[in-house]
Amino acid sequence: MDTFKPSYIRLYEDGTLLKRVEEVKKYLTECYLCPHGCGADRTKRVGFCKATDKIIVSSYGSHFGEEDVLVGYKGSGTIFFGYCNMRYVFCQNYELSFGGEGRTVSNEELANIMLYIQNHYRCHNINLVSPTHFVPNIIEAIYIAVGKGLNLPIVYNTGGYEKIEILKILDGIIDIYMPDFKYFSSELAMKFSKVPDYPNKAKLALKEMDRQVGGLKVDDKGIAYRGLIIRHLMLPGNIEDTKEVLKFIKEELSPDCLVNLMSQYYPTHRAYEHNEINRKLGFREYKEAYTFGENLGLRLD
């Protein structure tokens, strides 16, 4: 919207953003950026995520495969990062997440990519895909870019396995949070990702994100500029887990957050090792879950 001014501009002007840059740098030499808490000195060795202290960009540009409220008519300015802090057996981007596909860029070059997305592609937002393990680099890149005129909403597009301390550092920097909420069950989280604490960490993260930005707000053209969007990729045979996810959103988060109940699951990567998810999602499964969400009164995408 024409009158919207990202809050990171105010943080830049009052000196807070520079302080955040300095504050978060320590995590590159003792990495506790996510709940894995591996403690790696990433200037010397890789962490759990397999990333060093240098950012990896796989691709960037105007993307039309995101939610309509992000895509609008100019596209969402996505930046896909290499590596990930999760290990989904059904990961559909495993070349990026596991293999770190992409090239190394400096923080200043990342800032220039953001500006190119804004000034050349003229996208509606900067959409950071799998950003968690590169938060120190990203904050510094935003700081550099703001000094050169960056003024688009920033989207934090994450798997949901986040640390509250890091989210608080991002408070006022991120305009739109878009986390996954993969599992409600710790048993499923262990079976398919080897992270039994995922549900608890994700629930805490969602509440903190909601505290910061609240429900999703759109301009008069239907383009999002602030708020919370939650994605849930339905897994075949796990409709009861999906219903628990939807109930949590209804009971614990702002009523106007947007929920994208995703039906596009297909078995890939190592999903074939688990018979129950070695198939596509059935239409009836999806319809039952979607109707359940409607009956709860959720704002569904």
Protein backbone atom coordinates (compact mmCIF):
# COMPACT_ATOMS: atom_id res chain seq x y z
CA MET A 1 0.00 0.00 0.00
CA ASP A 2 1.22 3.51 -0.77
CA THR A 3 1.19 4.70 2.84
CA PHE A 4 2.85 1.61 4.31
CA LYS A 5 6.31 2.11 5.72
CA PRO A 6 8.14 -1.01 6.90
CA SER A 7 9.08 -0.79 10.57
CA TYR A 8 12.69 -1.69 9.78
CA ILE A 9 13.08 1.81 8.34
CA ARG A 10 12.36 3.30 11.75
CA LEU A 11 14.82 0.86 13.33
CA TYR A 12 17.41 1.98 10.79
CA GLU A 13 16.79 5.64 11.49
CA ASP A 14 17.01 5.38 15.28
CA GLY A 15 20.12 3.15 15.23
CA THR A 16 18.38 0.02 16.52
CA LEU A 17 18.90 -1.95 13.31
CA LEU A 18 22.68 -1.47 13.46
CA LYS A 19 22.64 -2.68 17.07
CA ARG A 20 20.74 -5.79 15.96
CA VAL A 21 23.38 -6.43 13.29
CA GLU A 22 26.10 -6.41 15.95
CA GLU A 23 24.01 -8.40 18.42
CA VAL A 24 23.30 -11.32 16.10
CA LYS A 25 26.83 -11.71 14.68
CA LYS A 26 27.92 -13.73 17.72
CA TYR A 27 25.78 -16.63 16.54
CA LEU A 28 28.11 -17.26 13.60
CA THR A 29 30.94 -18.22 15.94
CA GLU A 30 28.72 -20.07 18.43
CA CYS A 31 25.58 -21.02 16.56
CA TYR A 32 22.34 -21.17 18.50
CA LEU A 33 20.21 -19.69 15.73
CA CYS A 34 17.69 -22.53 15.86
CA PRO A 35 16.51 -25.07 18.47
CA HIS A 36 19.13 -27.62 17.39
CA GLY A 37 21.64 -25.46 19.28
CA CYS A 38 24.66 -27.16 17.74
CA GLY A 39 27.02 -24.43 18.98
CA ALA A 40 29.22 -24.65 15.89
CA ASP A 41 31.78 -21.96 15.10
CA ARG A 42 30.59 -21.60 11.54
CA THR A 43 33.63 -19.54 10.56
CA LYS A 44 35.61 -22.81 10.95
CA ARG A 45 33.15 -25.67 10.45
CA VAL A 46 29.58 -26.26 9.36
CA GLY A 47 26.69 -26.50 11.78
CA PHE A 48 23.79 -28.97 11.85
CA CYS A 49 22.37 -27.16 8.81
CA LYS A 50 25.65 -27.78 6.90
CA ALA A 51 26.08 -24.04 6.30
CA THR A 52 29.19 -21.98 6.97
CA ASP A 53 29.13 -18.29 7.90
CA LYS A 54 28.73 -17.38 4.21
CA ILE A 55 25.26 -17.14 2.74
CA ILE A 56 24.22 -19.40 -0.15
CA VAL A 57 21.67 -18.11 -2.64
CA SER A 58 20.15 -20.75 -4.88
CA SER A 59 17.99 -18.43 -6.98
CA TYR A 60 15.99 -15.21 -6.82
CA GLY A 61 13.41 -13.31 -8.81
CA SER A 62 9.72 -12.59 -9.28
CA HIS A 63 7.79 -15.69 -8.23
CA PHE A 64 4.12 -16.40 -8.96
CA GLY A 65 3.80 -19.74 -7.17
CA GLU A 66 3.18 -18.29 -3.71
CA GLU A 67 -0.05 -17.28 -1.97
CA ASP A 68 -2.21 -14.82 -3.94
CA VAL A 69 -1.86 -12.16 -1.25
CA LEU A 70 1.92 -12.21 -1.77
CA VAL A 71 1.99 -12.64 -5.54
CA GLY A 72 -0.51 -9.94 -6.49
CA TYR A 73 0.12 -8.75 -10.03
CA LYS A 74 3.91 -8.23 -9.86
CA GLY A 75 4.99 -11.40 -8.09
CA SER A 76 6.65 -12.15 -4.78
CA GLY A 77 10.36 -11.34 -4.73
CA THR A 78 11.67 -14.69 -3.59
CA ILE A 79 15.24 -15.41 -2.53
CA PHE A 80 15.86 -19.15 -2.13
CA PHE A 81 18.69 -19.99 0.26
CA GLY A 82 20.80 -23.14 0.27
CA TYR A 83 20.64 -25.64 3.15
CA CYS A 84 18.03 -25.87 5.90
CA ASN A 85 17.73 -26.51 9.63
CA MET A 86 15.25 -29.36 9.07
CA ARG A 87 15.52 -32.88 7.59
CA TYR A 88 12.13 -33.80 6.13
CA VAL A 89 12.13 -37.28 4.56
CA PHE A 90 9.57 -35.92 2.06
CA CYS A 91 11.40 -32.67 1.29
CA GLN A 92 10.39 -31.39 -2.15
CA ASN A 93 13.42 -29.09 -2.39
CA TYR A 94 16.03 -31.53 -1.15
CA GLU A 95 18.65 -30.37 -3.69
CA LEU A 96 18.64 -26.99 -1.92
CA SER A 97 17.95 -28.13 1.63
CA PHE A 98 20.36 -31.06 1.78
CA GLY A 99 22.82 -30.27 -1.00
CA GLY A 100 23.11 -26.52 -0.56
CA GLU A 101 22.60 -25.93 -4.26
CA GLY A 102 23.50 -22.34 -5.13
CA ARG A 103 26.36 -19.88 -4.94
CA THR A 104 28.10 -18.05 -2.12
CA VAL A 105 27.32 -14.34 -1.91
CA SER A 106 28.48 -11.59 0.42
CA ASN A 107 26.04 -9.73 2.65
CA GLU A 108 26.46 -6.67 0.45
CA GLU A 109 25.62 -8.70 -2.65
CA LEU A 110 22.52 -10.03 -0.90
CA ALA A 111 21.53 -6.41 -0.19
CA ASN A 112 21.94 -5.64 -3.89
CA ILE A 113 19.76 -8.64 -4.79
CA MET A 114 17.00 -7.24 -2.57
CA LEU A 115 17.29 -3.87 -4.30
CA TYR A 116 17.27 -5.51 -7.72
CA ILE A 117 14.06 -7.34 -6.81
CA GLN A 118 12.53 -4.04 -5.72
CA ASN A 119 13.75 -1.78 -8.52
CA HIS A 120 13.95 -4.15 -11.51
CA TYR A 121 11.26 -6.77 -10.92
CA ARG A 122 9.16 -4.31 -8.88
CA CYS A 123 7.81 -7.13 -6.71
CA HIS A 124 5.41 -6.59 -3.83
CA ASN A 125 7.78 -7.95 -1.18
CA ILE A 126 11.12 -9.56 -0.40
CA ASN A 127 10.39 -13.23 0.34
CA LEU A 128 13.20 -14.99 2.26
CA VAL A 129 12.84 -18.76 1.76
CA SER A 130 14.51 -20.95 4.44
CA PRO A 131 16.27 -18.02 6.13
CA THR A 132 16.76 -19.31 9.70
CA HIS A 133 20.41 -20.40 9.47
CA PHE A 134 21.42 -17.16 7.73
CA VAL A 135 19.69 -14.62 9.99
CA PRO A 136 22.92 -12.71 10.88
CA ASN A 137 23.77 -12.27 7.19
CA ILE A 138 20.21 -11.32 6.31
CA ILE A 139 19.90 -8.63 8.98
CA GLU A 140 23.14 -7.03 7.86
CA ALA A 141 22.04 -7.21 4.22
CA ILE A 142 18.76 -5.50 5.13
CA TYR A 143 20.69 -2.81 6.98
CA ILE A 144 22.85 -2.18 3.91
CA ALA A 145 19.85 -2.24 1.57
CA VAL A 146 17.79 0.20 3.66
CA GLY A 147 20.61 2.70 3.37
CA LYS A 148 20.24 2.40 -0.41
CA GLY A 149 16.44 2.75 -0.48
CA LEU A 150 14.89 -0.63 0.33
CA ASN A 151 11.25 -0.14 1.35
CA LEU A 152 9.41 -3.41 0.61
CA PRO A 153 7.77 -5.65 3.23
CA ILE A 154 10.03 -8.51 4.29
CA VAL A 155 8.55 -12.03 4.34
CA TYR A 156 10.14 -14.62 6.64
CA ASN A 157 9.30 -17.92 4.91
CA THR A 158 10.34 -20.66 7.32
CA GLY A 159 9.83 -24.30 8.26
CA GLY A 160 8.65 -23.21 11.71
CA TYR A 161 11.51 -24.68 13.76
CA GLU A 162 12.56 -21.39 15.30
CA LYS A 163 14.14 -20.08 18.48
CA ILE A 164 12.28 -17.40 20.43
CA GLU A 165 15.44 -15.40 21.19
CA ILE A 166 16.18 -15.06 17.48
CA LEU A 167 12.59 -14.16 16.62
CA LYS A 168 12.78 -11.34 19.18
CA ILE A 169 15.86 -9.99 17.41
CA LEU A 170 13.76 -10.00 14.22
CA ASP A 171 10.95 -8.04 15.89
CA GLY A 172 10.33 -4.92 13.81
CA ILE A 173 12.51 -6.18 10.96
CA ILE A 174 10.07 -8.76 9.59
CA ASP A 175 6.70 -7.54 8.30
CA ILE A 176 5.14 -10.85 7.26
CA TYR A 177 5.86 -14.16 8.94
CA MET A 178 5.04 -17.24 6.87
CA PRO A 179 5.93 -20.35 8.90
CA ASP A 180 5.08 -23.94 8.17
CA PHE A 181 3.33 -25.86 10.92
CA LYS A 182 4.29 -29.36 9.79
CA TYR A 183 3.21 -31.56 12.68
CA PHE A 184 1.17 -31.39 15.85
CA SER A 185 2.33 -34.85 16.93
CA SER A 186 5.86 -35.28 18.29
CA GLU A 187 5.73 -38.90 17.11
CA LEU A 188 5.25 -37.78 13.50
CA ALA A 189 7.94 -35.14 13.90
CA MET A 190 10.37 -37.80 15.10
CA LYS A 191 9.42 -40.30 12.41
CA PHE A 192 9.62 -37.94 9.46
CA SER A 193 12.15 -35.32 10.62
CA LYS A 194 14.03 -36.69 13.67
CA VAL A 195 12.95 -33.65 15.72
CA PRO A 196 10.47 -34.73 18.40
CA ASP A 197 10.40 -31.23 19.92
CA TYR A 198 9.25 -29.66 16.63
CA PRO A 199 5.58 -29.25 17.66
CA ASN A 200 6.40 -27.45 20.92
CA LYS A 201 9.00 -25.21 19.29
CA ALA A 202 6.69 -24.41 16.38
CA LYS A 203 3.79 -23.52 18.68
CA LEU A 204 5.98 -21.16 20.70
CA ALA A 205 7.33 -19.62 17.50
CA LEU A 206 3.86 -19.09 16.05
CA LYS A 207 2.72 -17.33 19.20
CA GLU A 208 5.74 -15.03 19.14
CA MET A 209 5.26 -14.23 15.46
CA ASP A 210 1.60 -13.48 16.13
CA ARG A 211 2.57 -11.20 19.01
CA GLN A 212 4.85 -9.24 16.70
CA VAL A 213 2.70 -8.83 13.59
CA GLY A 214 -0.83 -10.08 14.39
CA GLY A 215 -3.33 -11.20 11.79
CA LEU A 216 -2.75 -10.67 8.09
CA LYS A 217 -3.38 -7.18 6.73
CA VAL A 218 -3.86 -6.40 3.05
CA ASP A 219 -4.12 -3.16 1.07
CA ASP A 220 -7.01 -2.06 -1.14
CA LYS A 221 -5.67 -4.28 -3.95
CA GLY A 222 -5.56 -7.37 -1.75
CA ILE A 223 -1.76 -7.39 -1.36
CA ALA A 224 -0.39 -8.37 2.06
CA TYR A 225 1.86 -5.88 3.82
CA ARG A 226 1.95 -7.17 7.41
CA GLY A 227 0.85 -10.13 9.48
CA LEU A 228 0.91 -13.89 9.84
CA ILE A 229 0.38 -16.56 7.17
CA ILE A 230 0.56 -20.20 8.29
CA ARG A 231 1.18 -23.06 5.89
CA HIS A 232 0.29 -26.66 6.66
CA LEU A 233 1.22 -29.33 4.14
CA MET A 234 -1.21 -32.21 4.66
CA LEU A 235 0.36 -35.65 4.80
CA PRO A 236 -1.63 -38.63 3.53
CA GLY A 237 -3.18 -40.72 6.28
CA ASN A 238 -2.66 -38.07 8.95
CA ILE A 239 -5.88 -36.09 8.87
CA GLU A 240 -6.28 -36.15 12.66
CA ASP A 241 -2.91 -34.44 13.05
CA THR A 242 -4.04 -31.79 10.57
CA LYS A 243 -7.20 -31.20 12.58
CA GLU A 244 -5.12 -30.66 15.73
CA VAL A 245 -2.98 -28.12 13.87
CA LEU A 246 -6.10 -26.24 12.76
CA LYS A 247 -7.60 -26.30 16.26
CA PHE A 248 -4.41 -24.85 17.71
CA ILE A 249 -4.47 -22.00 15.20
CA LYS A 250 -8.11 -21.29 16.00
CA GLU A 251 -7.67 -21.38 19.77
CA GLU A 252 -4.24 -19.78 20.23
CA LEU A 253 -3.64 -17.26 17.43
CA SER A 254 -5.23 -14.12 16.02
CA PRO A 255 -8.54 -14.84 14.30
CA ASP A 256 -7.51 -13.08 11.10
CA CYS A 257 -4.23 -14.87 10.44
CA LEU A 258 -4.31 -16.60 7.04
CA VAL A 259 -4.08 -20.39 6.86
CA ASN A 260 -2.92 -22.11 3.69
CA LEU A 261 -4.00 -25.74 3.90
CA MET A 262 -1.76 -27.28 1.25
CA SER A 263 -2.82 -30.30 -0.80
CA GLN A 264 0.18 -30.65 -3.11
CA TYR A 265 2.02 -33.39 -1.21
CA TYR A 266 3.64 -36.05 -3.34
CA PRO A 267 6.19 -38.69 -2.27
CA THR A 268 9.74 -37.59 -3.00
CA HIS A 269 13.25 -37.77 -1.55
CA ARG A 270 13.05 -40.63 1.02
CA ALA A 271 9.28 -40.79 1.49
CA TYR A 272 9.30 -44.22 -0.17
CA GLU A 273 10.81 -45.57 3.08
CA HIS A 274 7.48 -44.95 4.83
CA ASN A 275 4.52 -46.79 3.32
CA GLU A 276 1.92 -44.51 4.92
CA ILE A 277 3.20 -41.42 3.09
CA ASN A 278 4.38 -43.14 -0.08
CA ARG A 279 1.35 -41.88 -2.01
CA LYS A 280 -0.33 -38.63 -2.97
CA LEU A 281 -2.91 -36.99 -0.74
CA GLY A 282 -6.47 -38.10 -1.49
CA PHE A 283 -9.10 -35.53 -2.49
CA ARG A 284 -11.49 -36.74 0.22
CA GLU A 285 -8.81 -36.32 2.88
CA TYR A 286 -8.18 -32.76 1.80
CA LYS A 287 -11.88 -31.93 1.51
CA GLU A 288 -12.58 -33.25 5.01
CA ALA A 289 -9.78 -31.16 6.51
CA TYR A 290 -10.73 -28.03 4.57
CA THR A 291 -14.35 -28.33 5.68
CA PHE A 292 -13.16 -28.82 9.26
CA GLY A 293 -11.18 -25.57 9.01
CA GLU A 294 -14.16 -23.73 7.53
CA ASN A 295 -16.37 -24.94 10.36
CA LEU A 296 -13.82 -23.64 12.87
CA GLY A 297 -14.16 -20.22 11.23
CA LEU A 298 -10.55 -20.04 10.07
CA ARG A 299 -9.46 -17.59 7.39
CA LEU A 300 -8.41 -20.14 4.74
CA ASP A 301 -6.42 -19.33 1.62
